[in-house]
Every structure is written in structure tokens, then in C-alpha cells.
Amino acid sequence: EEEFKRNCYIVRKIPWSRRTTGNDGDRRHNLVLEVDPRLRVKLIAQQYLYLSWYRCRVEDFTEVTRCFRCGGIGHIARNCRICGVDEKCCRICTEKTHLQQECPNKNKPVCGSCKDLKVAHDHRVGDTGCEANRRALANLMITTDYGN
């Protein structure tokens, strides 16, 4: 318990997408915790963690950093070099003439990251079949210290 308190902090609390509640009427959430590699090994081996009166399933959560302006991988909107500070930039079709909310091409998405890789890019940024996202995730997992 002490090791957990010393080596863990909450990165994010994600509400469940479905409007579900537990037996006690509480809304359920997913917690993203960051722990040191040794503690991660122990938690994964246990499979569950008890927080207060709740039994919580433990699993790895790996997420690629993605820009909310252009949809690019490895940077955030504040540091976006693809879209200038005052430029319009669309995550759906990659055009720089409008914002995502105004996109006239919503039915014809283009993934800019996959387009740069010269692979199939007829999908939205970060879709499950996104090759750029898959490669970035694989690279992130290779370079992360999992304490093995």
C-alpha cells in the first residue's frame, strides 16, 4: 500500500461512454494511473486493485499523443507546426481552408498521418485501422520502460 502511494499518480479520469451506474448508484469511471515499472509488474500480475470498496481491473493503457488541430502524431495543438497559430486546419480532410466543424468533406475523410506514410488514408485520424496510429503505438510500446 505504501509503495503504491509513493509510486502512483492519477493521469486522467475517463467517464464510461455508456450511462451506466453501479449497484450503489455511482457513475463508473476508468482511471488512468502512471506507476513505476516495478509496481506495474506487480499490479499486472495481481490483475485487480482494490480502491476503497471497489475492485478495479488492471490493464495496460497506452495512448499516442495526437494534435487536436491537425490530427498529427507526436505533438499537441499548442506546438503544432503543420497549422500555424492563426491558420485554419481541418482534422477530417486535412485542408487548410476551414475548421473541422465546418468541413464540407465529412463523408470523405483523409488521415494526414497515413497520407504522409503513403499508405491507405481514406479514414478518419486515429481510426482503429489507422496504420500511422498502429506504427506510433508500436514504437511507443518498444521505447517504454515496462520493468521487464
C-alpha atoms as a PDB file:
ATOM      1  CA  GLU A   1       0.000   0.000   0.000  1.00  0.00           C
ATOM      2  CA  GLU A   2       2.798   2.428   0.863  1.00  0.00           C
ATOM      3  CA  GLU A   3       4.680   1.527  -2.314  1.00  0.00           C
ATOM      4  CA  PHE A   4       1.511   2.208  -4.295  1.00  0.00           C
ATOM      5  CA  LYS A   5       1.049   5.644  -2.702  1.00  0.00           C
ATOM      6  CA  ARG A   6       4.682   6.603  -3.335  1.00  0.00           C
ATOM      7  CA  ASN A   7       4.867   5.390  -6.930  1.00  0.00           C
ATOM      8  CA  CYS A   8       1.480   6.204  -8.407  1.00  0.00           C
ATOM      9  CA  TYR A   9      -0.449   9.237  -9.537  1.00  0.00           C
ATOM     10  CA  ILE A  10      -3.684   9.739 -11.460  1.00  0.00           C
ATOM     11  CA  VAL A  11      -3.076  10.866 -15.021  1.00  0.00           C
ATOM     12  CA  ARG A  12      -6.713  11.050 -16.092  1.00  0.00           C
ATOM     13  CA  LYS A  13     -10.224  10.038 -15.070  1.00  0.00           C
ATOM     14  CA  ILE A  14     -12.325   8.889 -18.045  1.00  0.00           C
ATOM     15  CA  PRO A  15     -16.113   8.586 -17.630  1.00  0.00           C
ATOM     16  CA  TRP A  16     -17.623   5.489 -19.211  1.00  0.00           C
ATOM     17  CA  SER A  17     -19.210   6.292 -22.540  1.00  0.00           C
ATOM     18  CA  ARG A  18     -22.409   4.450 -21.633  1.00  0.00           C
ATOM     19  CA  ARG A  19     -24.696   5.918 -18.995  1.00  0.00           C
ATOM     20  CA  THR A  20     -24.175   3.051 -16.576  1.00  0.00           C
ATOM     21  CA  THR A  21     -24.239   3.052 -12.832  1.00  0.00           C
ATOM     22  CA  GLY A  22     -23.140   0.529 -10.269  1.00  0.00           C
ATOM     23  CA  ASN A  23     -25.347  -1.212  -7.729  1.00  0.00           C
ATOM     24  CA  ASP A  24     -24.775   1.713  -5.393  1.00  0.00           C
ATOM     25  CA  GLY A  25     -25.960   4.249  -7.999  1.00  0.00           C
ATOM     26  CA  ASP A  26     -22.474   5.729  -8.541  1.00  0.00           C
ATOM     27  CA  ARG A  27     -21.364   6.536 -12.060  1.00  0.00           C
ATOM     28  CA  ARG A  28     -18.428   4.408 -13.160  1.00  0.00           C
ATOM     29  CA  HIS A  29     -15.120   5.753 -14.482  1.00  0.00           C
ATOM     30  CA  ASN A  30     -11.876   4.428 -15.840  1.00  0.00           C
ATOM     31  CA  LEU A  31      -8.783   5.701 -14.082  1.00  0.00           C
ATOM     32  CA  VAL A  32      -5.508   6.077 -15.915  1.00  0.00           C
ATOM     33  CA  LEU A  33      -2.683   5.726 -13.409  1.00  0.00           C
ATOM     34  CA  GLU A  34       1.003   6.126 -14.017  1.00  0.00           C
ATOM     35  CA  VAL A  35       3.177   3.881 -11.885  1.00  0.00           C
ATOM     36  CA  ASP A  36       6.846   2.996 -11.844  1.00  0.00           C
ATOM     37  CA  PRO A  37       7.851  -0.145 -13.785  1.00  0.00           C
ATOM     38  CA  ARG A  38       8.326  -2.395 -10.718  1.00  0.00           C
ATOM     39  CA  LEU A  39       4.882  -1.548  -9.364  1.00  0.00           C
ATOM     40  CA  ARG A  40       3.330  -2.042 -12.816  1.00  0.00           C
ATOM     41  CA  VAL A  41       4.664  -5.612 -12.949  1.00  0.00           C
ATOM     42  CA  LYS A  42       3.062  -6.359  -9.557  1.00  0.00           C
ATOM     43  CA  LEU A  43      -0.282  -4.775 -10.485  1.00  0.00           C
ATOM     44  CA  ILE A  44      -0.487  -6.595 -13.826  1.00  0.00           C
ATOM     45  CA  ALA A  45       0.291  -9.896 -12.054  1.00  0.00           C
ATOM     46  CA  GLN A  46      -2.490  -9.256  -9.499  1.00  0.00           C
ATOM     47  CA  GLN A  47      -4.981  -8.339 -12.273  1.00  0.00           C
ATOM     48  CA  TYR A  48      -7.101  -6.373  -9.784  1.00  0.00           C
ATOM     49  CA  LEU A  49      -6.619  -3.444  -7.454  1.00  0.00           C
ATOM     50  CA  TYR A  50      -8.880  -2.589  -4.534  1.00  0.00           C
ATOM     51  CA  LEU A  51      -9.622   1.124  -4.101  1.00  0.00           C
ATOM     52  CA  SER A  52     -11.916   1.860  -1.161  1.00  0.00           C
ATOM     53  CA  TRP A  53     -14.668  -0.722  -1.600  1.00  0.00           C
ATOM     54  CA  TYR A  54     -14.205  -1.101  -5.343  1.00  0.00           C
ATOM     55  CA  ARG A  55     -12.474  -3.987  -7.112  1.00  0.00           C
ATOM     56  CA  CYS A  56     -10.795  -2.491 -10.183  1.00  0.00           C
ATOM     57  CA  ARG A  57      -9.471  -4.455 -13.147  1.00  0.00           C
ATOM     58  CA  VAL A  58      -5.851  -3.584 -14.026  1.00  0.00           C
ATOM     59  CA  GLU A  59      -4.600  -3.471 -17.594  1.00  0.00           C
ATOM     60  CA  ASP A  60      -2.071  -1.521 -19.626  1.00  0.00           C
ATOM     61  CA  PHE A  61      -3.258   1.700 -21.248  1.00  0.00           C
ATOM     62  CA  THR A  62      -1.063   3.135 -23.951  1.00  0.00           C
ATOM     63  CA  GLU A  63      -2.071   6.195 -25.933  1.00  0.00           C
ATOM     64  CA  VAL A  64      -0.321   8.079 -28.704  1.00  0.00           C
ATOM     65  CA  THR A  65      -0.022  11.871 -28.330  1.00  0.00           C
ATOM     66  CA  ARG A  66      -2.174  13.450 -31.017  1.00  0.00           C
ATOM     67  CA  CYS A  67      -2.780  17.072 -32.057  1.00  0.00           C
ATOM     68  CA  PHE A  68      -6.359  18.345 -31.757  1.00  0.00           C
ATOM     69  CA  ARG A  69      -5.792  20.863 -34.572  1.00  0.00           C
ATOM     70  CA  CYS A  70      -4.279  18.824 -37.407  1.00  0.00           C
ATOM     71  CA  GLY A  71      -4.630  15.272 -36.069  1.00  0.00           C
ATOM     72  CA  GLY A  72      -0.895  14.692 -36.398  1.00  0.00           C
ATOM     73  CA  ILE A  73       1.001  12.280 -34.171  1.00  0.00           C
ATOM     74  CA  GLY A  74       3.645  13.163 -31.594  1.00  0.00           C
ATOM     75  CA  HIS A  75       2.677  16.743 -30.785  1.00  0.00           C
ATOM     76  CA  ILE A  76      -0.137  18.757 -29.221  1.00  0.00           C
ATOM     77  CA  ALA A  77      -2.090  21.713 -30.663  1.00  0.00           C
ATOM     78  CA  ARG A  78      -0.036  24.306 -28.789  1.00  0.00           C
ATOM     79  CA  ASN A  79       3.129  23.071 -30.569  1.00  0.00           C
ATOM     80  CA  CYS A  80       1.568  22.336 -33.976  1.00  0.00           C
ATOM     81  CA  ARG A  81       3.931  23.161 -36.852  1.00  0.00           C
ATOM     82  CA  ILE A  82       1.502  21.902 -39.513  1.00  0.00           C
ATOM     83  CA  CYS A  83      -1.146  24.526 -38.727  1.00  0.00           C
ATOM     84  CA  GLY A  84       0.146  27.961 -37.852  1.00  0.00           C
ATOM     85  CA  VAL A  85      -1.203  29.781 -34.805  1.00  0.00           C
ATOM     86  CA  ASP A  86      -3.877  31.678 -36.756  1.00  0.00           C
ATOM     87  CA  GLU A  87      -4.348  29.212 -39.627  1.00  0.00           C
ATOM     88  CA  LYS A  88      -7.453  27.159 -40.185  1.00  0.00           C
ATOM     89  CA  CYS A  89      -6.822  23.440 -40.192  1.00  0.00           C
ATOM     90  CA  CYS A  90      -9.231  20.514 -40.639  1.00  0.00           C
ATOM     91  CA  ARG A  91      -8.635  17.142 -38.955  1.00  0.00           C
ATOM     92  CA  ILE A  92     -11.214  15.459 -41.196  1.00  0.00           C
ATOM     93  CA  CYS A  93      -9.943  16.249 -44.709  1.00  0.00           C
ATOM     94  CA  THR A  94      -6.544  17.923 -43.971  1.00  0.00           C
ATOM     95  CA  GLU A  95      -7.452  21.065 -45.941  1.00  0.00           C
ATOM     96  CA  LYS A  96      -6.310  24.401 -44.556  1.00  0.00           C
ATOM     97  CA  THR A  97      -9.324  26.387 -45.745  1.00  0.00           C
ATOM     98  CA  HIS A  98     -11.720  25.588 -42.910  1.00  0.00           C
ATOM     99  CA  LEU A  99     -12.032  24.131 -39.400  1.00  0.00           C
ATOM    100  CA  GLN A 100     -13.229  20.613 -38.577  1.00  0.00           C
ATOM    101  CA  GLN A 101     -16.682  21.886 -37.542  1.00  0.00           C
ATOM    102  CA  GLU A 102     -17.171  23.485 -40.993  1.00  0.00           C
ATOM    103  CA  CYS A 103     -15.815  20.577 -43.070  1.00  0.00           C
ATOM    104  CA  PRO A 104     -17.730  20.037 -46.338  1.00  0.00           C
ATOM    105  CA  ASN A 105     -15.968  16.668 -46.804  1.00  0.00           C
ATOM    106  CA  LYS A 106     -17.204  14.853 -43.679  1.00  0.00           C
ATOM    107  CA  ASN A 107     -18.060  11.767 -45.772  1.00  0.00           C
ATOM    108  CA  LYS A 108     -14.608  11.715 -47.415  1.00  0.00           C
ATOM    109  CA  PRO A 109     -12.106  11.719 -44.546  1.00  0.00           C
ATOM    110  CA  VAL A 110      -8.362  11.830 -45.118  1.00  0.00           C
ATOM    111  CA  CYS A 111      -5.861  10.766 -42.470  1.00  0.00           C
ATOM    112  CA  GLY A 112      -2.930  13.153 -42.890  1.00  0.00           C
ATOM    113  CA  SER A 113      -0.533  10.902 -40.965  1.00  0.00           C
ATOM    114  CA  CYS A 114      -1.253   7.891 -43.197  1.00  0.00           C
ATOM    115  CA  LYS A 115      -1.106  10.116 -46.298  1.00  0.00           C
ATOM    116  CA  ASP A 116       2.421  11.157 -45.247  1.00  0.00           C
ATOM    117  CA  LEU A 117       3.351   7.464 -44.906  1.00  0.00           C
ATOM    118  CA  LYS A 118       1.934   6.803 -48.411  1.00  0.00           C
ATOM    119  CA  VAL A 119      -0.473   4.127 -47.155  1.00  0.00           C
ATOM    120  CA  ALA A 120      -4.277   3.918 -47.340  1.00  0.00           C
ATOM    121  CA  HIS A 121      -5.555   7.201 -45.906  1.00  0.00           C
ATOM    122  CA  ASP A 122      -9.316   7.113 -46.601  1.00  0.00           C
ATOM    123  CA  HIS A 123     -10.240   7.055 -42.915  1.00  0.00           C
ATOM    124  CA  ARG A 124     -10.505   9.465 -40.008  1.00  0.00           C
ATOM    125  CA  VAL A 125      -7.464  10.297 -37.916  1.00  0.00           C
ATOM    126  CA  GLY A 126      -6.891   7.602 -35.280  1.00  0.00           C
ATOM    127  CA  ASP A 127      -9.469   5.090 -36.583  1.00  0.00           C
ATOM    128  CA  THR A 128      -8.889   1.508 -35.459  1.00  0.00           C
ATOM    129  CA  GLY A 129      -7.394   0.587 -38.840  1.00  0.00           C
ATOM    130  CA  CYS A 130      -5.086   3.627 -38.944  1.00  0.00           C
ATOM    131  CA  GLU A 131      -1.619   2.418 -39.956  1.00  0.00           C
ATOM    132  CA  ALA A 132       0.107   5.583 -38.705  1.00  0.00           C
ATOM    133  CA  ASN A 133      -1.526   5.181 -35.299  1.00  0.00           C
ATOM    134  CA  ARG A 134      -0.600   1.476 -35.208  1.00  0.00           C
ATOM    135  CA  ARG A 135       3.048   2.239 -36.006  1.00  0.00           C
ATOM    136  CA  ALA A 136       3.251   5.091 -33.484  1.00  0.00           C
ATOM    137  CA  LEU A 137       1.696   2.887 -30.791  1.00  0.00           C
ATOM    138  CA  ALA A 138       4.111   0.031 -31.557  1.00  0.00           C
ATOM    139  CA  ASN A 139       7.055   2.453 -31.378  1.00  0.00           C
ATOM    140  CA  LEU A 140       5.799   3.882 -28.081  1.00  0.00           C
ATOM    141  CA  MET A 141       5.477   0.392 -26.583  1.00  0.00           C
ATOM    142  CA  ILE A 142       9.003  -0.527 -27.706  1.00  0.00           C
ATOM    143  CA  THR A 143      10.519   2.603 -26.148  1.00  0.00           C
ATOM    144  CA  THR A 144       8.559   2.477 -22.866  1.00  0.00           C
ATOM    145  CA  ASP A 145      10.285   1.006 -19.799  1.00  0.00           C
ATOM    146  CA  TYR A 146       7.873  -1.691 -18.600  1.00  0.00           C
ATOM    147  CA  GLY A 147      10.300  -3.012 -16.000  1.00  0.00           C
ATOM    148  CA  ASN A 148      10.916  -6.335 -17.734  1.00  0.00           C
END
